[in-house]
Structure formats: structure tokens, C-alpha cells
PDB file of N, CA and C in Angstrom:
ATOM      1  N   MET A   1     -12.989 -60.563  59.839  1.00  0.00           N
ATOM      2  CA  MET A   1     -11.825 -60.001  60.435  1.00  0.00           C
ATOM      3  C   MET A   1     -11.161 -58.944  59.623  1.00  0.00           C
ATOM      4  N   VAL A   2     -12.007 -58.046  59.112  1.00  0.00           N
ATOM      5  CA  VAL A   2     -11.484 -57.010  58.465  1.00  0.00           C
ATOM      6  C   VAL A   2     -10.407 -56.049  59.230  1.00  0.00           C
ATOM      7  N   VAL A   3     -10.803 -55.739  60.327  1.00  0.00           N
ATOM      8  CA  VAL A   3      -9.919 -54.969  61.278  1.00  0.00           C
ATOM      9  C   VAL A   3      -8.515 -55.559  61.771  1.00  0.00           C
ATOM     10  N   LEU A   4      -8.432 -56.723  61.797  1.00  0.00           N
ATOM     11  CA  LEU A   4      -7.247 -57.541  62.308  1.00  0.00           C
ATOM     12  C   LEU A   4      -6.773 -58.440  61.237  1.00  0.00           C
ATOM     13  N   SER A   5      -6.873 -58.161  60.047  1.00  0.00           N
ATOM     14  CA  SER A   5      -6.395 -59.200  58.956  1.00  0.00           C
ATOM     15  C   SER A   5      -5.455 -58.355  58.120  1.00  0.00           C
ATOM     16  N   HIS A   6      -4.661 -59.077  57.512  1.00  0.00           N
ATOM     17  CA  HIS A   6      -3.612 -58.409  56.427  1.00  0.00           C
ATOM     18  C   HIS A   6      -3.474 -59.589  55.359  1.00  0.00           C
ATOM     19  N   PHE A   7      -3.795 -59.246  54.360  1.00  0.00           N
ATOM     20  CA  PHE A   7      -3.608 -60.253  52.936  1.00  0.00           C
ATOM     21  C   PHE A   7      -4.426 -61.563  53.496  1.00  0.00           C
ATOM     22  N   ASN A   8      -5.751 -61.432  54.052  1.00  0.00           N
ATOM     23  CA  ASN A   8      -6.503 -62.372  54.336  1.00  0.00           C
ATOM     24  C   ASN A   8      -5.906 -63.372  55.317  1.00  0.00           C
ATOM     25  N   GLN A   9      -4.980 -62.975  56.140  1.00  0.00           N
ATOM     26  CA  GLN A   9      -4.451 -63.758  57.309  1.00  0.00           C
ATOM     27  C   GLN A   9      -4.735 -63.048  58.610  1.00  0.00           C
ATOM     28  N   PRO A  10      -5.421 -63.631  59.489  1.00  0.00           N
ATOM     29  CA  PRO A  10      -5.827 -63.135  60.732  1.00  0.00           C
ATOM     30  C   PRO A  10      -4.471 -62.655  61.617  1.00  0.00           C
ATOM     31  N   ILE A  11      -4.283 -61.482  61.999  1.00  0.00           N
ATOM     32  CA  ILE A  11      -3.021 -61.212  62.704  1.00  0.00           C
ATOM     33  C   ILE A  11      -3.084 -61.605  63.942  1.00  0.00           C
ATOM     34  N   VAL A  12      -4.287 -61.594  64.837  1.00  0.00           N
ATOM     35  CA  VAL A  12      -4.174 -62.234  66.103  1.00  0.00           C
ATOM     36  C   VAL A  12      -3.711 -63.767  66.032  1.00  0.00           C
ATOM     37  N   SER A  13      -4.497 -64.496  65.162  1.00  0.00           N
ATOM     38  CA  SER A  13      -4.102 -65.917  65.113  1.00  0.00           C
ATOM     39  C   SER A  13      -2.564 -66.062  64.732  1.00  0.00           C
ATOM     40  N   ARG A  14      -2.236 -65.421  63.731  1.00  0.00           N
ATOM     41  CA  ARG A  14      -0.770 -65.479  63.270  1.00  0.00           C
ATOM     42  C   ARG A  14       0.311 -65.164  64.391  1.00  0.00           C
ATOM     43  N   ALA A  15       0.040 -64.044  65.122  1.00  0.00           N
ATOM     44  CA  ALA A  15       0.889 -63.541  66.165  1.00  0.00           C
ATOM     45  C   ALA A  15       0.948 -64.532  67.373  1.00  0.00           C
ATOM     46  N   ALA A  16      -0.175 -64.979  67.579  1.00  0.00           N
ATOM     47  CA  ALA A  16      -0.474 -66.171  68.792  1.00  0.00           C
ATOM     48  C   ALA A  16      -0.109 -67.407  68.443  1.00  0.00           C
ATOM     49  N   ALA A  17       0.543 -67.718  66.994  1.00  0.00           N
ATOM     50  CA  ALA A  17       0.579 -69.185  66.512  1.00  0.00           C
ATOM     51  C   ALA A  17       1.442 -70.014  67.648  1.00  0.00           C
ATOM     52  N   GLN A  18       2.430 -69.550  68.371  1.00  0.00           N
ATOM     53  CA  GLN A  18       3.129 -70.296  69.258  1.00  0.00           C
ATOM     54  C   GLN A  18       2.709 -69.992  70.706  1.00  0.00           C
ATOM     55  N   ASN A  19       2.002 -68.873  71.188  1.00  0.00           N
ATOM     56  CA  ASN A  19       1.764 -68.508  72.447  1.00  0.00           C
ATOM     57  C   ASN A  19       0.260 -68.347  72.675  1.00  0.00           C
ATOM     58  N   HIS A  20      -0.602 -68.980  71.894  1.00  0.00           N
ATOM     59  CA  HIS A  20      -1.926 -68.877  72.070  1.00  0.00           C
ATOM     60  C   HIS A  20      -2.534 -69.891  72.934  1.00  0.00           C
ATOM     61  N   HIS A  21      -3.798 -69.660  73.510  1.00  0.00           N
ATOM     62  CA  HIS A  21      -4.461 -70.762  74.210  1.00  0.00           C
ATOM     63  C   HIS A  21      -5.995 -70.730  73.879  1.00  0.00           C
ATOM     64  N   LYS A  22      -6.604 -71.680  74.198  1.00  0.00           N
ATOM     65  CA  LYS A  22      -7.988 -71.632  73.936  1.00  0.00           C
ATOM     66  C   LYS A  22      -8.731 -71.710  75.420  1.00  0.00           C
ATOM     67  N   ASP A  23      -9.801 -71.102  75.441  1.00  0.00           N
ATOM     68  CA  ASP A  23     -10.504 -70.989  76.630  1.00  0.00           C
ATOM     69  C   ASP A  23     -11.434 -72.038  76.726  1.00  0.00           C
ATOM     70  N   ALA A  24     -12.330 -72.275  77.806  1.00  0.00           N
ATOM     71  CA  ALA A  24     -13.350 -73.296  77.942  1.00  0.00           C
ATOM     72  C   ALA A  24     -14.207 -73.357  76.888  1.00  0.00           C
ATOM     73  N   ASP A  25     -14.516 -72.251  76.055  1.00  0.00           N
ATOM     74  CA  ASP A  25     -15.546 -72.011  74.888  1.00  0.00           C
ATOM     75  C   ASP A  25     -14.800 -72.549  73.685  1.00  0.00           C
ATOM     76  N   GLY A  26     -13.564 -72.691  73.661  1.00  0.00           N
ATOM     77  CA  GLY A  26     -12.756 -72.966  72.511  1.00  0.00           C
ATOM     78  C   GLY A  26     -12.249 -71.689  71.661  1.00  0.00           C
ATOM     79  N   LYS A  27     -12.516 -70.674  72.227  1.00  0.00           N
ATOM     80  CA  LYS A  27     -12.048 -69.347  71.633  1.00  0.00           C
ATOM     81  C   LYS A  27     -10.640 -69.105  71.762  1.00  0.00           C
ATOM     82  N   THR A  28      -9.843 -68.658  70.801  1.00  0.00           N
ATOM     83  CA  THR A  28      -8.440 -68.487  70.723  1.00  0.00           C
ATOM     84  C   THR A  28      -8.125 -67.022  71.446  1.00  0.00           C
ATOM     85  N   SER A  29      -7.250 -66.976  72.247  1.00  0.00           N
ATOM     86  CA  SER A  29      -6.691 -65.881  72.899  1.00  0.00           C
ATOM     87  C   SER A  29      -5.296 -65.765  72.930  1.00  0.00           C
ATOM     88  N   VAL A  30      -4.790 -64.512  73.199  1.00  0.00           N
ATOM     89  CA  VAL A  30      -3.232 -64.215  73.113  1.00  0.00           C
ATOM     90  C   VAL A  30      -3.071 -63.027  74.332  1.00  0.00           C
ATOM     91  N   LYS A  31      -2.014 -63.004  74.829  1.00  0.00           N
ATOM     92  CA  LYS A  31      -1.755 -62.034  75.743  1.00  0.00           C
ATOM     93  C   LYS A  31      -1.460 -60.823  75.013  1.00  0.00           C
ATOM     94  N   PHE A  32      -1.920 -59.541  75.459  1.00  0.00           N
ATOM     95  CA  PHE A  32      -1.623 -58.349  74.808  1.00  0.00           C
ATOM     96  C   PHE A  32      -0.242 -58.178  74.732  1.00  0.00           C
ATOM     97  N   GLY A  33       0.680 -58.511  75.708  1.00  0.00           N
ATOM     98  CA  GLY A  33       2.136 -58.320  75.613  1.00  0.00           C
ATOM     99  C   GLY A  33       2.739 -58.779  74.473  1.00  0.00           C
ATOM    100  N   VAL A  34       2.336 -60.061  74.055  1.00  0.00           N
ATOM    101  CA  VAL A  34       2.674 -60.833  72.936  1.00  0.00           C
ATOM    102  C   VAL A  34       2.404 -60.122  71.579  1.00  0.00           C
ATOM    103  N   LEU A  35       1.178 -59.755  71.489  1.00  0.00           N
ATOM    104  CA  LEU A  35       0.777 -58.954  70.278  1.00  0.00           C
ATOM    105  C   LEU A  35       1.593 -57.739  70.264  1.00  0.00           C
ATOM    106  N   PHE A  36       1.691 -56.925  71.275  1.00  0.00           N
ATOM    107  CA  PHE A  36       2.430 -55.695  71.350  1.00  0.00           C
ATOM    108  C   PHE A  36       4.022 -55.691  70.930  1.00  0.00           C
ATOM    109  N   ASN A  37       4.568 -57.046  71.476  1.00  0.00           N
ATOM    110  CA  ASN A  37       5.966 -57.147  71.153  1.00  0.00           C
ATOM    111  C   ASN A  37       6.210 -58.020  69.757  1.00  0.00           C
ATOM    112  N   ASP A  38       5.190 -58.372  69.036  1.00  0.00           N
ATOM    113  CA  ASP A  38       5.362 -58.955  67.828  1.00  0.00           C
ATOM    114  C   ASP A  38       5.629 -58.098  66.606  1.00  0.00           C
ATOM    115  N   ASP A  39       6.885 -58.324  66.042  1.00  0.00           N
ATOM    116  CA  ASP A  39       7.221 -57.393  65.025  1.00  0.00           C
ATOM    117  C   ASP A  39       6.336 -57.160  63.927  1.00  0.00           C
ATOM    118  N   GLN A  40       5.487 -58.176  63.326  1.00  0.00           N
ATOM    119  CA  GLN A  40       4.639 -58.272  62.159  1.00  0.00           C
ATOM    120  C   GLN A  40       3.522 -57.294  62.708  1.00  0.00           C
ATOM    121  N   CYS A  41       2.999 -57.452  63.872  1.00  0.00           N
ATOM    122  CA  CYS A  41       1.825 -56.648  64.315  1.00  0.00           C
ATOM    123  C   CYS A  41       2.325 -55.113  64.400  1.00  0.00           C
ATOM    124  N   ALA A  42       3.541 -54.874  64.989  1.00  0.00           N
ATOM    125  CA  ALA A  42       3.924 -53.468  65.089  1.00  0.00           C
ATOM    126  C   ALA A  42       4.262 -52.892  63.798  1.00  0.00           C
ATOM    127  N   ASN A  43       4.614 -53.683  62.655  1.00  0.00           N
ATOM    128  CA  ASN A  43       4.880 -53.038  61.383  1.00  0.00           C
ATOM    129  C   ASN A  43       3.527 -52.875  60.773  1.00  0.00           C
ATOM    130  N   LEU A  44       2.658 -53.586  61.017  1.00  0.00           N
ATOM    131  CA  LEU A  44       1.459 -53.551  60.305  1.00  0.00           C
ATOM    132  C   LEU A  44       0.439 -52.484  61.023  1.00  0.00           C
ATOM    133  N   PHE A  45       0.323 -52.439  62.124  1.00  0.00           N
ATOM    134  CA  PHE A  45      -0.415 -51.526  62.869  1.00  0.00           C
ATOM    135  C   PHE A  45       0.334 -50.573  63.736  1.00  0.00           C
ATOM    136  N   GLU A  46       0.506 -49.441  63.192  1.00  0.00           N
ATOM    137  CA  GLU A  46       1.221 -48.535  63.991  1.00  0.00           C
ATOM    138  C   GLU A  46       0.544 -48.186  65.343  1.00  0.00           C
ATOM    139  N   ALA A  47      -0.700 -48.162  65.148  1.00  0.00           N
ATOM    140  CA  ALA A  47      -1.595 -47.845  66.486  1.00  0.00           C
ATOM    141  C   ALA A  47      -2.360 -48.984  66.877  1.00  0.00           C
ATOM    142  N   LEU A  48      -1.609 -50.075  67.408  1.00  0.00           N
ATOM    143  CA  LEU A  48      -2.083 -51.289  67.699  1.00  0.00           C
ATOM    144  C   LEU A  48      -3.164 -51.054  68.849  1.00  0.00           C
ATOM    145  N   VAL A  49      -3.182 -50.265  69.677  1.00  0.00           N
ATOM    146  CA  VAL A  49      -4.226 -50.050  70.813  1.00  0.00           C
ATOM    147  C   VAL A  49      -5.362 -49.498  70.213  1.00  0.00           C
ATOM    148  N   GLY A  50      -5.308 -48.601  69.291  1.00  0.00           N
ATOM    149  CA  GLY A  50      -6.509 -48.104  68.640  1.00  0.00           C
ATOM    150  C   GLY A  50      -7.036 -49.123  67.607  1.00  0.00           C
ATOM    151  N   THR A  51      -6.439 -49.772  67.103  1.00  0.00           N
ATOM    152  CA  THR A  51      -6.984 -50.839  66.141  1.00  0.00           C
ATOM    153  C   THR A  51      -7.643 -51.965  67.038  1.00  0.00           C
ATOM    154  N   LEU A  52      -7.095 -52.400  68.374  1.00  0.00           N
ATOM    155  CA  LEU A  52      -7.786 -53.232  69.131  1.00  0.00           C
ATOM    156  C   LEU A  52      -9.018 -52.636  69.867  1.00  0.00           C
ATOM    157  N   LYS A  53      -8.968 -51.432  70.069  1.00  0.00           N
ATOM    158  CA  LYS A  53     -10.116 -50.780  70.511  1.00  0.00           C
ATOM    159  C   LYS A  53     -11.296 -50.816  69.460  1.00  0.00           C
ATOM    160  N   ALA A  54     -10.959 -50.562  68.287  1.00  0.00           N
ATOM    161  CA  ALA A  54     -12.036 -50.543  67.089  1.00  0.00           C
ATOM    162  C   ALA A  54     -12.361 -52.077  66.906  1.00  0.00           C
ATOM    163  N   ALA A  55     -11.551 -53.004  66.975  1.00  0.00           N
ATOM    164  CA  ALA A  55     -11.981 -54.203  66.876  1.00  0.00           C
ATOM    165  C   ALA A  55     -12.984 -54.849  67.964  1.00  0.00           C
ATOM    166  N   LYS A  56     -12.717 -54.225  69.184  1.00  0.00           N
ATOM    167  CA  LYS A  56     -13.610 -54.661  70.301  1.00  0.00           C
ATOM    168  C   LYS A  56     -14.922 -53.854  69.973  1.00  0.00           C
ATOM    169  N   ARG A  57     -15.078 -52.585  69.608  1.00  0.00           N
ATOM    170  CA  ARG A  57     -16.297 -52.212  69.296  1.00  0.00           C
ATOM    171  C   ARG A  57     -16.985 -52.891  68.313  1.00  0.00           C
ATOM    172  N   LYS A  58     -16.412 -53.479  67.351  1.00  0.00           N
ATOM    173  CA  LYS A  58     -16.951 -54.250  66.287  1.00  0.00           C
ATOM    174  C   LYS A  58     -17.252 -55.710  66.709  1.00  0.00           C
ATOM    175  N   LYS A  59     -17.057 -55.976  67.894  1.00  0.00           N
ATOM    176  CA  LYS A  59     -17.062 -57.350  68.644  1.00  0.00           C
ATOM    177  C   LYS A  59     -16.433 -58.352  67.829  1.00  0.00           C
ATOM    178  N   ILE A  60     -15.366 -57.942  67.254  1.00  0.00           N
ATOM    179  CA  ILE A  60     -14.294 -59.033  66.562  1.00  0.00           C
ATOM    180  C   ILE A  60     -13.373 -59.654  67.618  1.00  0.00           C
ATOM    181  N   ILE A  61     -12.957 -58.957  68.579  1.00  0.00           N
ATOM    182  CA  ILE A  61     -12.268 -59.407  69.824  1.00  0.00           C
ATOM    183  C   ILE A  61     -12.806 -58.841  71.087  1.00  0.00           C
ATOM    184  N   THR A  62     -12.456 -59.346  72.205  1.00  0.00           N
ATOM    185  CA  THR A  62     -13.021 -58.817  73.487  1.00  0.00           C
ATOM    186  C   THR A  62     -11.561 -58.848  74.525  1.00  0.00           C
ATOM    187  N   PHE A  63     -11.583 -57.967  75.575  1.00  0.00           N
ATOM    188  CA  PHE A  63     -10.475 -57.901  76.318  1.00  0.00           C
ATOM    189  C   PHE A  63     -11.144 -57.275  77.626  1.00  0.00           C
ATOM    190  N   GLU A  64     -10.446 -57.441  78.686  1.00  0.00           N
ATOM    191  CA  GLU A  64     -10.949 -56.860  80.166  1.00  0.00           C
ATOM    192  C   GLU A  64     -10.432 -55.384  80.007  1.00  0.00           C
ATOM    193  N   GLY A  65     -11.476 -54.514  80.319  1.00  0.00           N
ATOM    194  CA  GLY A  65     -11.216 -53.021  80.375  1.00  0.00           C
ATOM    195  C   GLY A  65     -11.412 -52.243  79.037  1.00  0.00           C
ATOM    196  N   GLU A  66     -11.153 -51.016  79.010  1.00  0.00           N
ATOM    197  CA  GLU A  66     -11.358 -50.079  77.815  1.00  0.00           C
ATOM    198  C   GLU A  66     -10.151 -49.967  77.001  1.00  0.00           C
ATOM    199  N   LEU A  67      -9.048 -49.889  77.744  1.00  0.00           N
ATOM    200  CA  LEU A  67      -7.767 -49.605  77.127  1.00  0.00           C
ATOM    201  C   LEU A  67      -6.620 -50.397  77.489  1.00  0.00           C
ATOM    202  N   LEU A  68      -5.675 -50.837  76.733  1.00  0.00           N
ATOM    203  CA  LEU A  68      -4.610 -51.743  76.972  1.00  0.00           C
ATOM    204  C   LEU A  68      -3.361 -50.917  76.807  1.00  0.00           C
ATOM    205  N   LEU A  69      -2.553 -50.932  77.850  1.00  0.00           N
ATOM    206  CA  LEU A  69      -1.245 -50.137  77.748  1.00  0.00           C
ATOM    207  C   LEU A  69      -0.115 -51.166  77.990  1.00  0.00           C
ATOM    208  N   GLN A  70       1.062 -50.989  77.425  1.00  0.00           N
ATOM    209  CA  GLN A  70       2.215 -51.887  77.575  1.00  0.00           C
ATOM    210  C   GLN A  70       2.692 -51.736  78.840  1.00  0.00           C
ATOM    211  N   GLY A  71       3.098 -53.144  79.321  1.00  0.00           N
ATOM    212  CA  GLY A  71       3.590 -53.083  80.701  1.00  0.00           C
ATOM    213  C   GLY A  71       2.566 -53.369  81.682  1.00  0.00           C
ATOM    214  N   VAL A  72       1.646 -52.500  81.817  1.00  0.00           N
ATOM    215  CA  VAL A  72       0.493 -52.680  82.815  1.00  0.00           C
ATOM    216  C   VAL A  72      -0.435 -53.705  82.500  1.00  0.00           C
ATOM    217  N   HIS A  73      -0.717 -53.782  81.077  1.00  0.00           N
ATOM    218  CA  HIS A  73      -1.721 -54.825  80.768  1.00  0.00           C
ATOM    219  C   HIS A  73      -1.181 -55.958  79.787  1.00  0.00           C
ATOM    220  N   ASP A  74       0.171 -56.253  80.036  1.00  0.00           N
ATOM    221  CA  ASP A  74       0.742 -57.371  79.182  1.00  0.00           C
ATOM    222  C   ASP A  74       0.281 -58.630  79.355  1.00  0.00           C
ATOM    223  N   ASN A  75      -0.403 -58.773  80.630  1.00  0.00           N
ATOM    224  CA  ASN A  75      -0.886 -60.344  80.764  1.00  0.00           C
ATOM    225  C   ASN A  75      -2.483 -60.345  80.709  1.00  0.00           C
ATOM    226  N   VAL A  76      -3.055 -59.322  79.984  1.00  0.00           N
ATOM    227  CA  VAL A  76      -4.412 -59.289  79.700  1.00  0.00           C
ATOM    228  C   VAL A  76      -4.787 -60.179  78.374  1.00  0.00           C
ATOM    229  N   ASP A  77      -5.580 -60.890  78.470  1.00  0.00           N
ATOM    230  CA  ASP A  77      -5.962 -61.866  77.385  1.00  0.00           C
ATOM    231  C   ASP A  77      -6.863 -61.086  76.247  1.00  0.00           C
ATOM    232  N   VAL A  78      -6.310 -61.021  75.023  1.00  0.00           N
ATOM    233  CA  VAL A  78      -7.177 -60.575  73.871  1.00  0.00           C
ATOM    234  C   VAL A  78      -7.820 -61.894  73.249  1.00  0.00           C
ATOM    235  N   ILE A  79      -9.092 -62.071  73.255  1.00  0.00           N
ATOM    236  CA  ILE A  79      -9.835 -63.072  72.924  1.00  0.00           C
ATOM    237  C   ILE A  79     -10.508 -62.883  71.380  1.00  0.00           C
ATOM    238  N   LEU A  80     -10.226 -63.754  70.590  1.00  0.00           N
ATOM    239  CA  LEU A  80     -10.748 -63.751  69.259  1.00  0.00           C
ATOM    240  C   LEU A  80     -12.195 -64.248  69.196  1.00  0.00           C
ATOM    241  N   LEU A  81     -13.156 -63.317  68.889  1.00  0.00           N
ATOM    242  CA  LEU A  81     -14.611 -63.855  68.983  1.00  0.00           C
ATOM    243  C   LEU A  81     -15.064 -64.232  67.454  1.00  0.00           C
ATOM    244  N   GLN A  82     -14.372 -63.798  66.541  1.00  0.00           N
ATOM    245  CA  GLN A  82     -14.607 -64.392  65.089  1.00  0.00           C
ATOM    246  C   GLN A  82     -13.396 -65.097  64.673  1.00  0.00           C
ATOM    247  N   ASP A  83     -13.684 -66.220  63.672  1.00  0.00           N
ATOM    248  CA  ASP A  83     -12.656 -66.779  62.937  1.00  0.00           C
ATOM    249  C   ASP A  83     -12.335 -66.248  61.797  1.00  0.00           C
TER     250      ASP A  83
END
């Protein structure tokens, strides 16, 4: 979780603490809008969209599509592939 961690605490998991869900495979996911509007995420990652793209390339997370934009993709699940 190098890309999405801060002080050894997974950002996706922390931001999703109250708004996450698990899919049929038991993977944790959170809506992009929740991440985008989370103050801790915003303060830690000025370029959240770029950080998510990099994490997707490294197969740490996955999401539908290539790019997530506020508003348009608020309901897209960001799925954590690694714990």
C-alpha cells in the first residue's frame, strides 16, 4: 500500500471506514465521491486522481474506466485489491 498509505495507515480503508462495502469476493470498496470529498484524502493527496491512476497501474486498486472525475464518477467503486 505504498501509493495509498500515510503513516502506515491505508487511506482508502480509513476514508471508507463508515462508507465502505465488501463485494462478493470480500474486497473492500468505496465510492470515488466519498474519497474525493474526504478532507484527509484531499490534504494528503493534492492530485487524488493521479494518485488513483498510479495505484491502478500498480494493481493496488481497480475502478471502471481510465480516469475518474468529480461529479461524473462519484458513484464509481474504487476497489482495494491489496490489504
